[in-house]
Amino acid sequence: MIAPTSAATGRTAADWCDGTAPTGFIAESIAQDDAVEITVFGGWRAYLAR
């Protein structure tokens, strides 16, 4: 599966106390407009298997 163009990995805005900024999943705010909350499925694999 390929991630949509509005999603990527990159440095987050969170600055940790040691001065590092972790790499994480980032997305444009427009990506959440029609996003599905998959937490109730137990994760993305369970969501895809439904």
C-alpha atoms as a PDB file:
ATOM      1  CA  MET A   1       0.000   0.000   0.000  1.00  0.00           C
ATOM      2  CA  ILE A   2       1.282   3.460  -0.832  1.00  0.00           C
ATOM      3  CA  ALA A   3       0.664   6.359   1.549  1.00  0.00           C
ATOM      4  CA  PRO A   4      -1.460   9.196   0.190  1.00  0.00           C
ATOM      5  CA  THR A   5       0.400  12.273  -0.989  1.00  0.00           C
ATOM      6  CA  SER A   6      -0.812  14.225   2.047  1.00  0.00           C
ATOM      7  CA  ALA A   7       1.102  11.869   4.376  1.00  0.00           C
ATOM      8  CA  ALA A   8       4.810  11.525   5.045  1.00  0.00           C
ATOM      9  CA  THR A   9       7.428  10.892   7.680  1.00  0.00           C
ATOM     10  CA  GLY A  10       9.477  13.776   8.942  1.00  0.00           C
ATOM     11  CA  ARG A  11      10.739  15.685  11.937  1.00  0.00           C
ATOM     12  CA  THR A  12       7.976  16.581  14.341  1.00  0.00           C
ATOM     13  CA  ALA A  13       7.460  19.906  16.054  1.00  0.00           C
ATOM     14  CA  ALA A  14       7.826  18.229  19.453  1.00  0.00           C
ATOM     15  CA  ASP A  15      11.118  19.189  21.075  1.00  0.00           C
ATOM     16  CA  TRP A  16      12.223  16.752  23.742  1.00  0.00           C
ATOM     17  CA  CYS A  17      13.990  17.905  26.881  1.00  0.00           C
ATOM     18  CA  ASP A  18      17.337  16.815  25.440  1.00  0.00           C
ATOM     19  CA  GLY A  19      16.860  19.107  22.434  1.00  0.00           C
ATOM     20  CA  THR A  20      16.073  16.410  19.877  1.00  0.00           C
ATOM     21  CA  ALA A  21      13.037  16.399  17.614  1.00  0.00           C
ATOM     22  CA  PRO A  22      11.854  12.849  16.869  1.00  0.00           C
ATOM     23  CA  THR A  23      10.960  11.572  13.429  1.00  0.00           C
ATOM     24  CA  GLY A  24       7.287  10.728  13.174  1.00  0.00           C
ATOM     25  CA  PHE A  25       4.268  10.432  10.924  1.00  0.00           C
ATOM     26  CA  ILE A  26       3.023  13.782   9.675  1.00  0.00           C
ATOM     27  CA  ALA A  27       0.090  14.736   7.485  1.00  0.00           C
ATOM     28  CA  GLU A  28      -1.521  17.841   6.092  1.00  0.00           C
ATOM     29  CA  SER A  29      -4.583  18.937   8.066  1.00  0.00           C
ATOM     30  CA  ILE A  30      -6.785  18.347   5.024  1.00  0.00           C
ATOM     31  CA  ALA A  31      -5.948  14.630   5.279  1.00  0.00           C
ATOM     32  CA  GLN A  32      -8.138  14.262   8.365  1.00  0.00           C
ATOM     33  CA  ASP A  33     -11.276  15.591   6.694  1.00  0.00           C
ATOM     34  CA  ASP A  34     -12.382  12.160   5.458  1.00  0.00           C
ATOM     35  CA  ALA A  35     -10.078  10.004   7.588  1.00  0.00           C
ATOM     36  CA  VAL A  36     -11.376   6.877   9.310  1.00  0.00           C
ATOM     37  CA  GLU A  37     -10.650   6.411  13.022  1.00  0.00           C
ATOM     38  CA  ILE A  38      -9.188   2.895  13.113  1.00  0.00           C
ATOM     39  CA  THR A  39      -8.500   2.624  16.848  1.00  0.00           C
ATOM     40  CA  VAL A  40     -11.722   0.646  17.406  1.00  0.00           C
ATOM     41  CA  PHE A  41     -10.432  -1.999  14.976  1.00  0.00           C
ATOM     42  CA  GLY A  42      -7.243  -2.505  17.005  1.00  0.00           C
ATOM     43  CA  GLY A  43      -4.869  -1.126  14.376  1.00  0.00           C
ATOM     44  CA  TRP A  44      -4.420  -0.732  10.659  1.00  0.00           C
ATOM     45  CA  ARG A  45      -3.996  -4.445   9.881  1.00  0.00           C
ATOM     46  CA  ALA A  46      -7.332  -5.276  11.512  1.00  0.00           C
ATOM     47  CA  TYR A  47      -8.935  -2.342   9.717  1.00  0.00           C
ATOM     48  CA  LEU A  48      -7.684  -3.583   6.326  1.00  0.00           C
ATOM     49  CA  ALA A  49      -8.833  -7.134   7.104  1.00  0.00           C
ATOM     50  CA  ARG A  50     -12.428  -6.134   7.865  1.00  0.00           C
END
